[in-house]
Protein backbone atom coordinates (compact mmCIF):
# COMPACT_ATOMS: atom_id res chain seq x y z
CA UNK A 1 26.29 -168.02 137.66
CA UNK A 2 24.69 -166.34 134.43
CA UNK A 3 26.00 -167.55 131.19
CA UNK A 4 25.07 -167.67 127.70
CA UNK A 5 22.96 -170.48 126.53
CA UNK A 6 19.66 -171.21 124.63
CA UNK A 7 17.87 -170.96 127.98
CA UNK A 8 19.75 -167.83 129.21
CA UNK A 9 16.60 -165.80 129.85
CA UNK A 10 14.82 -168.65 131.70
CA UNK A 11 14.76 -168.00 135.49
CA UNK A 12 13.34 -170.81 137.52
CA UNK A 13 11.99 -170.75 141.27
CA UNK A 14 12.23 -174.34 142.21
CA UNK A 15 10.12 -175.88 144.95
CA UNK A 16 10.57 -179.49 145.33
CA UNK A 17 12.96 -182.29 146.14
CA UNK A 18 14.81 -185.64 145.04
CA UNK A 19 14.32 -186.00 141.26
CA UNK A 20 11.02 -185.74 139.62
CA UNK A 21 10.93 -181.83 139.72
CA UNK A 22 14.43 -180.73 140.37
CA UNK A 23 16.05 -182.63 137.45
CA UNK A 24 13.77 -180.80 134.88
CA UNK A 25 15.28 -177.73 136.01
CA UNK A 26 18.87 -179.11 135.83
CA UNK A 27 18.38 -180.14 132.42
CA UNK A 28 17.46 -176.53 131.48
CA UNK A 29 20.24 -175.11 133.73
CA UNK A 30 22.87 -177.12 131.90
CA UNK A 31 21.88 -174.98 128.88
CA UNK A 32 21.99 -171.68 130.40
CA UNK A 33 18.92 -171.25 132.57
CA UNK A 34 19.32 -169.89 136.20
CA UNK A 35 17.56 -171.94 138.94
CA UNK A 36 17.00 -171.11 142.67
CA UNK A 37 16.36 -174.39 144.54
CA UNK A 38 14.24 -173.74 147.71
CA UNK A 39 14.63 -175.88 150.82
CA UNK A 40 14.57 -175.11 154.41
CA UNK A 41 16.61 -176.17 157.46
CA UNK A 42 13.74 -177.73 158.91
CA UNK A 43 12.85 -179.68 155.72
CA UNK A 44 15.83 -179.90 153.38
CA UNK A 45 15.64 -181.78 150.20
CA UNK A 46 15.40 -185.42 151.03
CA UNK A 47 17.85 -186.20 148.57
CA UNK A 48 20.66 -184.54 150.74
CA UNK A 49 19.89 -187.34 153.26
CA UNK A 50 20.24 -190.40 150.67
CA UNK A 51 23.53 -192.35 150.92
CA UNK A 52 25.96 -192.99 149.60
CA UNK A 53 27.83 -190.08 151.36
CA UNK A 54 31.55 -189.09 150.87
CA UNK A 55 33.80 -191.37 152.95
CA UNK A 56 30.44 -193.01 154.32
CA UNK A 57 30.04 -189.97 156.65
CA UNK A 58 26.51 -188.56 156.49
CA UNK A 59 26.31 -184.80 156.12
CA UNK A 60 23.85 -182.43 154.76
CA UNK A 61 26.15 -181.53 152.02
CA UNK A 62 27.90 -184.82 151.65
CA UNK A 63 25.27 -186.89 149.66
CA UNK A 64 26.05 -187.89 146.19
CA UNK A 65 22.65 -188.41 144.86
CA UNK A 66 21.77 -184.70 145.47
CA UNK A 67 25.21 -183.50 144.02
CA UNK A 68 24.70 -185.54 140.91
CA UNK A 69 21.34 -184.07 139.98
CA UNK A 70 21.48 -180.43 141.45
CA UNK A 71 24.44 -178.77 139.95
CA UNK A 72 24.15 -175.40 138.33
CA UNK A 73 21.72 -174.11 140.98
CA UNK A 74 21.56 -171.48 143.72
CA UNK A 75 20.68 -172.92 147.06
CA UNK A 76 18.34 -170.98 149.18
CA UNK A 77 16.51 -171.62 152.24
CA UNK A 78 12.94 -170.38 153.04
CA UNK A 79 10.54 -171.19 155.70
CA UNK A 80 7.07 -171.22 153.82
CA UNK A 81 5.26 -171.81 157.00
CA UNK A 82 6.28 -168.56 158.41
CA UNK A 83 3.79 -165.74 157.77
CA UNK A 84 6.40 -163.74 155.75
CA UNK A 85 7.91 -166.72 153.97
CA UNK A 86 5.53 -166.88 151.31
CA UNK A 87 5.72 -163.00 150.65
CA UNK A 88 9.29 -163.40 150.20
CA UNK A 89 8.90 -166.20 147.80
CA UNK A 90 6.50 -164.05 145.85
CA UNK A 91 9.07 -161.06 145.77
CA UNK A 92 11.70 -163.41 144.25
CA UNK A 93 9.21 -164.34 141.48
CA UNK A 94 8.15 -160.74 140.84
CA UNK A 95 11.74 -159.45 140.80
CA UNK A 96 13.55 -162.34 139.12
CA UNK A 97 12.03 -165.58 138.29
CA UNK A 98 9.63 -166.26 135.31
CA UNK A 99 9.21 -169.88 135.65
CA UNK A 100 8.11 -172.07 138.83
CA UNK A 101 8.64 -175.85 139.11
CA UNK A 102 7.57 -177.83 141.98
CA UNK A 103 6.84 -181.52 142.70
CA UNK A 104 5.08 -181.44 146.11
CA UNK A 105 1.95 -183.43 146.99
CA UNK A 106 -1.19 -182.08 145.18
CA UNK A 107 -2.62 -179.26 147.27
CA UNK A 108 0.41 -178.20 149.31
CA UNK A 109 1.20 -175.22 147.02
CA UNK A 110 -2.45 -174.06 147.18
CA UNK A 111 -2.41 -174.33 150.90
CA UNK A 112 0.59 -172.29 151.10
CA UNK A 113 -0.83 -169.57 148.70
CA UNK A 114 1.60 -170.47 146.07
CA UNK A 115 -0.62 -172.08 143.51
CA UNK A 116 -0.75 -171.05 139.95
CA UNK A 117 -3.85 -168.69 140.05
CA UNK A 118 -2.31 -166.95 142.97
CA UNK A 119 1.32 -166.69 141.40
CA UNK A 120 0.09 -165.38 138.07
CA UNK A 121 -1.30 -162.40 139.80
CA UNK A 122 2.44 -161.77 140.69
CA UNK A 123 3.72 -162.66 137.26
CA UNK A 124 0.98 -162.67 134.55
CA UNK A 125 2.97 -164.63 131.89
CA UNK A 126 4.11 -167.12 134.43
CA UNK A 127 4.97 -170.70 133.29
CA UNK A 128 4.38 -173.18 136.29
CA UNK A 129 5.03 -176.91 136.04
CA UNK A 130 3.76 -179.30 138.73
CA UNK A 131 4.96 -182.81 138.75
CA UNK A 132 3.45 -185.48 140.92
CA UNK A 133 2.68 -189.29 141.16
CA UNK A 134 -0.82 -189.17 139.69
CA UNK A 135 -1.57 -185.52 138.48
CA UNK A 136 -3.22 -182.68 140.25
CA UNK A 137 -6.99 -183.96 139.44
CA UNK A 138 -8.77 -187.11 139.47
CA UNK A 139 -9.89 -189.89 141.96
CA UNK A 140 -6.21 -190.78 142.93
CA UNK A 141 -4.58 -187.18 142.85
CA UNK A 142 -3.75 -187.08 146.47
CA UNK A 143 -2.57 -190.66 146.64
CA UNK A 144 0.76 -190.18 148.64
CA UNK A 145 3.93 -191.96 147.43
CA UNK A 146 7.25 -192.02 145.73
CA UNK A 147 8.57 -192.97 142.39
CA UNK A 148 9.07 -196.50 143.45
CA UNK A 149 5.36 -196.95 144.34
CA UNK A 150 4.46 -195.82 140.71
CA UNK A 151 6.06 -199.20 139.20
CA UNK A 152 3.49 -200.98 141.33
CA UNK A 153 0.59 -198.90 140.45
CA UNK A 154 1.37 -198.83 136.84
CA UNK A 155 1.64 -202.37 136.45
CA UNK A 156 5.36 -203.07 135.85
CA UNK A 157 5.70 -205.06 139.03
CA UNK A 158 3.07 -207.42 137.92
CA UNK A 159 5.09 -208.33 135.01
CA UNK A 160 8.56 -208.51 136.59
CA UNK A 161 10.00 -211.80 137.82
CA UNK A 162 9.17 -215.44 137.33
CA UNK A 163 5.67 -217.12 136.96
CA UNK A 164 6.25 -219.20 140.02
CA UNK A 165 7.75 -216.65 142.22
CA UNK A 166 6.84 -213.32 144.04
CA UNK A 167 6.82 -210.08 141.79
CA UNK A 168 10.10 -208.16 141.63
CA UNK A 169 10.38 -204.47 142.40
CA UNK A 170 12.23 -202.49 139.60
CA UNK A 171 15.31 -200.79 140.85
CA UNK A 172 14.82 -197.24 142.04
CA UNK A 173 12.13 -194.84 141.12
CA UNK A 174 12.15 -195.76 137.47
CA UNK A 175 9.10 -193.70 136.50
CA UNK A 176 10.28 -190.60 138.18
CA UNK A 177 12.94 -190.31 135.38
CA UNK A 178 10.17 -190.92 132.62
CA UNK A 179 8.29 -188.10 134.09
CA UNK A 180 11.41 -185.79 134.06
CA UNK A 181 11.85 -186.45 130.28
CA UNK A 182 8.06 -185.35 129.67
CA UNK A 183 8.29 -182.52 132.07
CA UNK A 184 11.32 -181.15 130.31
CA UNK A 185 9.73 -181.47 126.81
CA UNK A 186 6.62 -179.84 128.10
CA UNK A 187 8.29 -177.02 129.78
CA UNK A 188 10.36 -176.37 126.56
CA UNK A 189 7.06 -176.25 124.52
CA UNK A 190 5.57 -173.77 126.92
CA UNK A 191 8.51 -171.56 126.72
CA UNK A 192 8.28 -171.53 123.06
CA UNK A 193 4.43 -170.73 123.20
CA UNK A 194 5.38 -167.76 125.48
CA UNK A 195 8.10 -166.55 123.09
CA UNK A 196 5.63 -166.51 120.31
CA UNK A 197 2.41 -165.39 122.16
CA UNK A 198 3.58 -163.74 125.41
CA UNK A 199 1.28 -165.85 127.29
CA UNK A 200 2.33 -168.33 130.12
CA UNK A 201 0.42 -171.42 131.07
CA UNK A 202 0.21 -174.12 133.78
CA UNK A 203 1.71 -177.56 133.07
CA UNK A 204 0.46 -180.79 135.06
CA UNK A 205 2.84 -183.72 134.72
CA UNK A 206 1.35 -187.11 135.69
CA UNK A 207 4.22 -189.34 136.28
CA UNK A 208 2.06 -192.57 136.34
CA UNK A 209 0.73 -191.80 132.83
CA UNK A 210 4.19 -191.20 131.43
CA UNK A 211 4.99 -194.65 132.61
CA UNK A 212 2.03 -196.44 131.45
CA UNK A 213 2.94 -195.98 127.67
CA UNK A 214 5.80 -198.41 128.14
CA UNK A 215 3.18 -201.27 128.71
CA UNK A 216 0.90 -200.20 125.87
CA UNK A 217 1.46 -203.65 124.20
CA UNK A 218 0.24 -205.37 127.30
CA UNK A 219 -2.59 -202.99 127.94
CA UNK A 220 -3.69 -203.44 124.35
CA UNK A 221 -3.70 -206.99 124.57
CA UNK A 222 -6.12 -206.89 127.34
CA UNK A 223 -8.36 -204.07 125.64
CA UNK A 224 -8.47 -206.48 122.24
CA UNK A 225 -8.16 -209.98 123.56
CA UNK A 226 -9.06 -209.90 127.12
CA UNK A 227 -5.86 -211.43 128.01
CA UNK A 228 -3.97 -210.40 131.14
CA UNK A 229 -0.18 -210.97 130.53
CA UNK A 230 1.70 -212.10 133.60
CA UNK A 231 5.45 -212.80 134.75
CA UNK A 232 7.66 -214.76 132.29
CA UNK A 233 10.94 -214.18 133.48
CA UNK A 234 13.41 -213.33 130.76
CA UNK A 235 11.32 -214.83 128.25
CA UNK A 236 9.54 -213.07 125.41
CA UNK A 237 6.48 -214.12 123.31
CA UNK A 238 8.07 -213.30 120.06
CA UNK A 239 11.54 -214.33 120.45
CA UNK A 240 13.55 -217.57 121.18
CA UNK A 241 16.22 -217.76 122.64
CA UNK A 242 15.67 -214.69 124.90
CA UNK A 243 17.52 -214.59 128.22
CA UNK A 244 20.60 -214.00 130.26
CA UNK A 245 23.16 -216.79 130.02
CA UNK A 246 26.05 -217.51 132.26
CA UNK A 247 29.66 -216.91 131.17
CA UNK A 248 33.11 -217.60 132.32
CA UNK A 249 33.92 -215.86 135.43
CA UNK A 250 32.11 -215.19 138.70
CA UNK A 251 28.55 -213.89 138.20
CA UNK A 252 29.31 -213.10 134.62
CA UNK A 253 26.40 -212.94 132.17
CA UNK A 254 25.47 -212.08 128.59
CA UNK A 255 21.94 -211.53 127.37
CA UNK A 256 20.95 -213.14 123.88
CA UNK A 257 17.94 -212.57 121.85
CA UNK A 258 16.97 -214.15 118.41
CA UNK A 259 13.75 -212.78 116.82
CA UNK A 260 13.96 -214.35 113.43
CA UNK A 261 15.05 -217.72 111.69
CA UNK A 262 17.97 -215.70 110.09
CA UNK A 263 19.22 -214.73 113.63
CA UNK A 264 18.81 -218.16 115.04
CA UNK A 265 20.88 -219.59 112.06
CA UNK A 266 23.62 -217.02 112.55
CA UNK A 267 23.79 -217.88 116.31
CA UNK A 268 24.16 -221.56 115.56
CA UNK A 269 26.89 -220.97 113.20
CA UNK A 270 28.74 -218.81 115.97
CA UNK A 271 28.34 -221.71 118.42
CA UNK A 272 29.79 -224.00 115.79
CA UNK A 273 26.70 -225.72 114.87
CA UNK A 274 26.55 -228.03 117.92
CA UNK A 275 24.40 -231.31 117.27
CA UNK A 276 21.58 -230.37 119.40
CA UNK A 277 20.70 -227.18 117.43
CA UNK A 278 20.09 -229.39 114.17
CA UNK A 279 17.31 -231.28 115.94
CA UNK A 280 14.08 -230.72 114.00
CA UNK A 281 12.32 -229.34 117.17
CA UNK A 282 14.44 -226.16 116.98
CA UNK A 283 13.93 -225.68 113.36
CA UNK A 284 11.00 -223.27 113.68
CA UNK A 285 10.30 -220.48 116.00
CA UNK A 286 7.25 -222.43 117.25
CA UNK A 287 9.32 -225.32 118.00
CA UNK A 288 12.14 -223.33 119.71
CA UNK A 289 9.47 -221.73 122.03
CA UNK A 290 7.90 -225.15 122.87
CA UNK A 291 11.33 -226.59 123.87
CA UNK A 292 12.84 -223.21 125.26
CA UNK A 293 14.14 -224.84 128.55
CA UNK A 294 16.29 -227.37 126.58
CA UNK A 295 17.25 -224.62 124.19
CA UNK A 296 18.58 -222.36 126.90
CA UNK A 297 20.51 -225.28 128.34
CA UNK A 298 22.32 -225.71 124.91
CA UNK A 299 23.11 -222.10 124.66
CA UNK A 300 24.29 -221.80 128.21
CA UNK A 301 26.79 -224.77 127.76
CA UNK A 302 28.39 -222.67 124.95
CA UNK A 303 28.45 -219.45 126.84
CA UNK A 304 29.76 -220.79 129.83
CA UNK A 305 32.90 -221.51 128.15
CA UNK A 306 33.48 -217.81 126.99
CA UNK A 307 33.80 -214.60 128.70
CA UNK A 308 30.67 -212.22 128.43
CA UNK A 309 32.59 -209.81 126.16
CA UNK A 310 33.51 -212.65 123.75
CA UNK A 311 29.99 -213.86 123.46
CA UNK A 312 28.83 -210.31 122.91
CA UNK A 313 31.49 -209.55 120.29
CA UNK A 314 30.83 -212.90 118.46
CA UNK A 315 27.05 -212.28 118.34
CA UNK A 316 26.95 -208.70 117.33
CA UNK A 317 29.52 -209.32 114.46
CA UNK A 318 26.91 -211.68 112.78
CA UNK A 319 23.86 -209.37 113.63
CA UNK A 320 22.43 -211.11 116.61
CA UNK A 321 21.47 -209.18 119.67
CA UNK A 322 23.76 -209.82 122.59
CA UNK A 323 25.17 -207.64 125.30
CA UNK A 324 27.13 -207.98 128.60
CA UNK A 325 25.24 -207.72 131.78
CA UNK A 326 27.27 -204.79 133.45
CA UNK A 327 27.69 -204.03 137.19
CA UNK A 328 28.21 -200.70 138.45
CA UNK A 329 31.84 -200.78 138.21
CA UNK A 330 31.73 -201.54 134.44
CA UNK A 331 28.95 -198.81 134.02
CA UNK A 332 31.11 -196.11 135.72
CA UNK A 333 34.25 -196.94 133.80
CA UNK A 334 32.75 -197.65 130.42
CA UNK A 335 34.69 -195.38 127.85
CA UNK A 336 31.48 -194.40 125.91
CA UNK A 337 29.68 -193.25 129.28
CA UNK A 338 32.97 -191.58 130.23
CA UNK A 339 32.99 -189.41 127.31
CA UNK A 340 29.18 -188.60 126.92
CA UNK A 341 27.53 -188.95 130.25
CA UNK A 342 29.93 -188.30 133.09
CA UNK A 343 31.65 -184.99 133.68
CA UNK A 344 33.97 -184.19 136.53
CA UNK A 345 33.31 -181.30 138.95
CA UNK A 346 35.10 -180.44 142.16
CA UNK A 347 32.70 -180.16 145.24
CA UNK A 348 33.84 -178.27 148.39
CA UNK A 349 32.92 -181.13 150.80
CA UNK A 350 32.85 -184.14 148.42
CA UNK A 351 35.80 -183.32 146.41
CA UNK A 352 36.09 -184.39 142.80
CA UNK A 353 33.06 -186.42 141.65
CA UNK A 354 31.06 -186.86 138.41
CA UNK A 355 27.73 -185.37 137.43
CA UNK A 356 25.47 -186.87 135.01
CA UNK A 357 25.07 -184.97 131.92
CA UNK A 358 21.61 -184.54 130.06
CA UNK A 359 21.05 -187.69 127.65
CA UNK A 360 20.77 -185.32 124.80
CA UNK A 361 23.45 -183.11 123.18
CA UNK A 362 23.01 -180.16 120.95
CA UNK A 363 25.57 -179.57 118.08
CA UNK A 364 25.53 -175.64 118.25
CA UNK A 365 24.95 -175.30 121.96
CA UNK A 366 27.43 -176.70 124.53
CA UNK A 367 26.44 -177.84 127.99
CA UNK A 368 27.47 -175.64 130.79
CA UNK A 369 28.79 -176.89 133.99
CA UNK A 370 29.05 -173.58 136.08
CA UNK A 371 28.91 -174.69 139.61
CA UNK A 372 28.49 -177.71 141.77
CA UNK A 373 25.39 -178.48 143.76
CA UNK A 374 24.83 -175.95 146.46
CA UNK A 375 25.31 -176.08 150.11
CA UNK A 376 22.09 -175.71 152.14
CA UNK A 377 21.32 -172.03 151.97
CA UNK A 378 24.67 -171.24 150.33
CA UNK A 379 23.23 -168.49 148.16
CA UNK A 380 20.81 -166.85 150.43
CA UNK A 381 22.22 -163.48 150.62
CA UNK A 382 22.96 -163.25 146.75
CA UNK A 383 19.35 -164.54 145.72
CA UNK A 384 17.34 -162.56 148.34
CA UNK A 385 19.36 -159.38 148.24
CA UNK A 386 20.97 -159.13 144.69
CA UNK A 387 18.10 -160.84 142.71
CA UNK A 388 15.01 -160.29 144.67
CA UNK A 389 16.09 -156.82 145.77
CA UNK A 390 15.81 -156.99 149.51
CA UNK A 391 17.63 -154.34 151.26
CA UNK A 392 20.36 -155.19 153.82
CA UNK A 393 17.92 -153.94 156.62
CA UNK A 394 14.98 -156.15 155.32
CA UNK A 395 17.33 -159.10 154.84
CA UNK A 396 18.69 -158.78 158.31
CA UNK A 397 15.24 -158.40 159.86
CA UNK A 398 13.55 -161.32 157.98
CA UNK A 399 16.75 -163.45 158.96
CA UNK A 400 16.32 -162.56 162.68
CA UNK A 401 12.64 -163.58 162.51
CA UNK A 402 13.42 -166.97 161.18
CA UNK A 403 12.07 -166.43 157.59
CA UNK A 404 15.43 -168.11 156.10
CA UNK A 405 15.38 -171.10 158.40
């Protein structure tokens, strides 16, 4: 798998599962790093068990979620609860790896004897990154949960939905992916620091704290004014109109936002200057906010006669924010994303599928798609013998003892 890339000297031993840790390593692997993803037959990466599956038939190597986010990696199995499992992991680190990434619950790596203080005895210039919900220290550090729980703990759910209804849960583990971006940036910074100084370090990524910054205005509003913002549907305190409007067709919508009087006037021209819009109650922003329900009905009457694409094109042509509300088919077939986000690979069990490329491109360094996501334990012999240096006899004996289960 070795290839030339900006991270070609980076060798990552990855403990973890799902997204919050593994996707950090995938981004570096896409630019040349080598990664060994550790699982076990008793505790495989949970993403392998997530639907959808190829042809809707579950299988340990048939899940699309794992395939999309874990390409360009060696797949190895190691029973870390076996007395010799930890020693084998340390041998892989000593003889091959120079970075460790993990996203277990805080305390797990220490109980296993694989925490930073222990591992840097094996590799003094080690860089180790831990990503978890609430960081490694603090009163809530050991709070169990997944990325979806963080949207509640961070306050997003309180703000999502309509004032007269229950809160709405954000789709998917939103904050996991925020944590991945911060984790990637911090790991690259640590690599540059080691290149300059020869010293490694420990990185503690708290996903919650990465997410909270996206609510900074609401937090600041409370800190300064003592006001607790609540749910307001699609409305915005400083824009009117601001919402999703029905368009021609079944369940077709376009979002529209006008932040200034100039944008409002341009929207009126596009709509053909309907009589209602000339009413004095809509002439100022304050008036439009006071009469927002009526305003939305006027706009919806216009949008419902056009396709969502027609509404978007007409608005964007005059500098008014408008965008089609796309479903998953449209997202997958979007010509822009086809060229820049999706890349086709051929998986031995799934067949042809598309992986998700990094959201950043480098002008002088191409992305490398060297191999699809690994089967469970697919590269055991190569990693443990060729990279870690186990002899054939050692490997066979450890295998018989269940170390690679």
